[in-house]
Amino acid sequence: MEREWRCKKCDTLLGVERGARLHLRYKQVQYIVDGTDYNVIAVCRNCSTANERNGTQEPPQAVAASG
């Protein structure tokens, strides 16, 4: 599952969450935050707003067996 992380003020794309990883990229620089327990603060390159993203430690959802 993929989920975008956008600036809370101007809606600029800051990163993309793919599974247990948060991908941050701007031009030639890339950062990958791996795992589910993290705190990241990104300052928006367009409006300078500080945006915070917290990972979660939620257990995986149970899937009901069909049959």
N, C-alpha and C. Protein backbone atom coordinates (compact mmCIF):
# COMPACT_ATOMS: atom_id res chain seq x y z
N MET A 1 0.83 -1.18 0.00
CA MET A 1 0.00 0.00 0.00
C MET A 1 0.88 1.24 0.00
N GLU A 2 0.48 2.23 -0.76
CA GLU A 2 1.25 3.46 -0.89
C GLU A 2 0.40 4.63 -0.42
N ARG A 3 1.03 5.50 0.40
CA ARG A 3 0.31 6.66 0.94
C ARG A 3 1.22 7.87 0.85
N GLU A 4 0.70 8.96 0.25
CA GLU A 4 1.48 10.18 0.10
C GLU A 4 1.50 10.99 1.40
N TRP A 5 2.63 11.65 1.65
CA TRP A 5 2.76 12.58 2.77
C TRP A 5 2.90 13.97 2.17
N ARG A 6 1.94 14.84 2.45
CA ARG A 6 1.92 16.17 1.86
C ARG A 6 1.98 17.25 2.93
N CYS A 7 2.48 18.41 2.54
CA CYS A 7 2.54 19.55 3.45
C CYS A 7 1.15 19.92 3.92
N LYS A 8 1.02 20.16 5.22
CA LYS A 8 -0.29 20.49 5.79
C LYS A 8 -0.77 21.89 5.40
N LYS A 9 0.14 22.74 4.90
CA LYS A 9 -0.25 24.10 4.54
C LYS A 9 -0.46 24.27 3.03
N CYS A 10 0.49 23.79 2.22
CA CYS A 10 0.40 24.05 0.77
C CYS A 10 0.23 22.80 -0.09
N ASP A 11 0.18 21.62 0.52
CA ASP A 11 -0.08 20.36 -0.17
C ASP A 11 1.07 19.87 -1.07
N THR A 12 2.28 20.39 -0.86
CA THR A 12 3.44 19.90 -1.61
C THR A 12 3.78 18.48 -1.16
N LEU A 13 4.10 17.62 -2.11
CA LEU A 13 4.48 16.25 -1.79
C LEU A 13 5.82 16.23 -1.06
N LEU A 14 5.83 15.66 0.15
CA LEU A 14 7.05 15.57 0.96
C LEU A 14 7.66 14.18 0.92
N GLY A 15 6.83 13.17 0.81
CA GLY A 15 7.32 11.80 0.82
C GLY A 15 6.21 10.83 0.50
N VAL A 16 6.60 9.55 0.39
CA VAL A 16 5.64 8.50 0.10
C VAL A 16 5.91 7.35 1.06
N GLU A 17 4.86 6.89 1.71
CA GLU A 17 4.96 5.75 2.60
C GLU A 17 4.60 4.50 1.82
N ARG A 18 5.54 3.56 1.77
CA ARG A 18 5.32 2.28 1.08
C ARG A 18 5.57 1.17 2.08
N GLY A 19 4.50 0.58 2.56
CA GLY A 19 4.63 -0.46 3.58
C GLY A 19 5.24 0.12 4.84
N ALA A 20 6.34 -0.47 5.30
CA ALA A 20 7.00 -0.02 6.53
C ALA A 20 8.11 0.98 6.25
N ARG A 21 8.15 1.56 5.05
CA ARG A 21 9.21 2.52 4.71
C ARG A 21 8.61 3.85 4.29
N LEU A 22 9.29 4.92 4.71
CA LEU A 22 8.92 6.26 4.29
C LEU A 22 10.02 6.75 3.36
N HIS A 23 9.67 7.05 2.12
CA HIS A 23 10.63 7.49 1.10
C HIS A 23 10.53 9.00 0.96
N LEU A 24 11.68 9.67 1.12
CA LEU A 24 11.77 11.12 0.98
C LEU A 24 12.77 11.40 -0.14
N ARG A 25 12.37 12.23 -1.13
CA ARG A 25 13.28 12.52 -2.24
C ARG A 25 13.08 13.94 -2.72
N TYR A 26 14.19 14.60 -3.02
CA TYR A 26 14.16 15.91 -3.64
C TYR A 26 15.39 16.03 -4.54
N LYS A 27 15.14 16.20 -5.81
CA LYS A 27 16.19 16.25 -6.84
C LYS A 27 17.09 15.02 -6.73
N GLN A 28 18.38 15.19 -6.43
CA GLN A 28 19.32 14.07 -6.40
C GLN A 28 19.44 13.38 -5.05
N VAL A 29 18.78 13.91 -4.02
CA VAL A 29 18.92 13.37 -2.67
C VAL A 29 17.73 12.49 -2.32
N GLN A 30 18.02 11.32 -1.75
CA GLN A 30 16.97 10.40 -1.33
C GLN A 30 17.25 9.90 0.08
N TYR A 31 16.20 9.81 0.88
CA TYR A 31 16.29 9.23 2.22
C TYR A 31 15.20 8.18 2.34
N ILE A 32 15.50 7.09 3.02
CA ILE A 32 14.51 6.06 3.29
C ILE A 32 14.52 5.80 4.78
N VAL A 33 13.36 5.98 5.40
CA VAL A 33 13.19 5.67 6.82
C VAL A 33 12.56 4.30 6.88
N ASP A 34 13.26 3.35 7.48
CA ASP A 34 12.82 1.96 7.50
C ASP A 34 12.32 1.58 8.88
N GLY A 35 11.21 0.89 8.94
CA GLY A 35 10.65 0.45 10.21
C GLY A 35 9.33 1.14 10.49
N THR A 36 8.73 0.79 11.61
CA THR A 36 7.42 1.34 11.91
C THR A 36 7.43 2.29 13.11
N ASP A 37 8.55 2.46 13.76
CA ASP A 37 8.63 3.33 14.93
C ASP A 37 9.58 4.48 14.62
N TYR A 38 9.04 5.60 14.12
CA TYR A 38 9.90 6.73 13.77
C TYR A 38 9.15 8.05 13.95
N ASN A 39 9.91 9.12 14.07
CA ASN A 39 9.41 10.49 14.06
C ASN A 39 10.25 11.25 13.06
N VAL A 40 9.61 11.85 12.07
CA VAL A 40 10.32 12.61 11.05
C VAL A 40 9.69 13.99 10.95
N ILE A 41 10.53 15.01 10.90
CA ILE A 41 10.06 16.38 10.67
C ILE A 41 10.69 16.86 9.38
N ALA A 42 9.84 17.27 8.44
CA ALA A 42 10.33 17.80 7.16
C ALA A 42 9.85 19.24 7.03
N VAL A 43 10.76 20.12 6.65
CA VAL A 43 10.41 21.50 6.40
C VAL A 43 10.08 21.62 4.91
N CYS A 44 8.88 22.08 4.60
CA CYS A 44 8.43 22.18 3.21
C CYS A 44 9.33 23.13 2.43
N ARG A 45 9.74 22.69 1.25
CA ARG A 45 10.64 23.50 0.42
C ARG A 45 9.92 24.69 -0.22
N ASN A 46 8.58 24.67 -0.24
CA ASN A 46 7.84 25.77 -0.85
C ASN A 46 7.38 26.84 0.14
N CYS A 47 6.87 26.41 1.30
CA CYS A 47 6.29 27.39 2.23
C CYS A 47 6.98 27.41 3.60
N SER A 48 7.99 26.57 3.81
CA SER A 48 8.79 26.51 5.04
C SER A 48 8.02 26.05 6.28
N THR A 49 6.89 25.39 6.09
CA THR A 49 6.12 24.85 7.21
C THR A 49 6.76 23.55 7.69
N ALA A 50 6.88 23.40 9.01
CA ALA A 50 7.39 22.15 9.58
C ALA A 50 6.24 21.13 9.62
N ASN A 51 6.50 19.96 9.05
CA ASN A 51 5.51 18.89 8.99
C ASN A 51 6.08 17.68 9.71
N GLU A 52 5.29 17.09 10.59
CA GLU A 52 5.75 15.94 11.37
C GLU A 52 5.01 14.68 10.95
N ARG A 53 5.76 13.59 10.86
CA ARG A 53 5.18 12.29 10.52
C ARG A 53 5.68 11.29 11.55
N ASN A 54 4.76 10.53 12.11
CA ASN A 54 5.11 9.52 13.10
C ASN A 54 4.74 8.15 12.57
N GLY A 55 5.66 7.21 12.71
CA GLY A 55 5.36 5.83 12.36
C GLY A 55 4.51 5.22 13.46
N THR A 56 3.88 4.14 13.15
CA THR A 56 3.03 3.48 14.13
C THR A 56 3.54 2.08 14.40
N GLN A 57 3.16 1.56 15.52
CA GLN A 57 3.53 0.20 15.86
C GLN A 57 2.28 -0.66 15.91
N GLU A 58 1.34 -0.39 15.02
CA GLU A 58 0.10 -1.16 15.00
C GLU A 58 0.38 -2.57 14.49
N PRO A 59 -0.22 -3.57 15.11
CA PRO A 59 -0.04 -4.93 14.61
C PRO A 59 -0.73 -5.08 13.27
N PRO A 60 -0.26 -6.00 12.43
CA PRO A 60 -0.91 -6.20 11.12
C PRO A 60 -2.35 -6.64 11.31
N GLN A 61 -3.19 -6.24 10.37
CA GLN A 61 -4.61 -6.60 10.42
C GLN A 61 -4.79 -8.08 10.13
N ALA A 62 -5.67 -8.70 10.89
CA ALA A 62 -5.97 -10.12 10.68
C ALA A 62 -6.81 -10.27 9.43
N VAL A 63 -6.54 -11.31 8.69
CA VAL A 63 -7.31 -11.61 7.49
C VAL A 63 -8.13 -12.85 7.75
N ALA A 64 -9.43 -12.74 7.51
CA ALA A 64 -10.32 -13.88 7.76
C ALA A 64 -10.11 -14.93 6.69
N ALA A 65 -10.00 -16.17 7.10
CA ALA A 65 -9.85 -17.27 6.15
C ALA A 65 -11.20 -17.58 5.52
N SER A 66 -11.19 -17.76 4.22
CA SER A 66 -12.44 -18.12 3.54
C SER A 66 -12.54 -19.62 3.43
N GLY A 67 -13.75 -20.12 3.52
CA GLY A 67 -13.85 -21.56 3.36
C GLY A 67 -14.98 -22.18 3.97
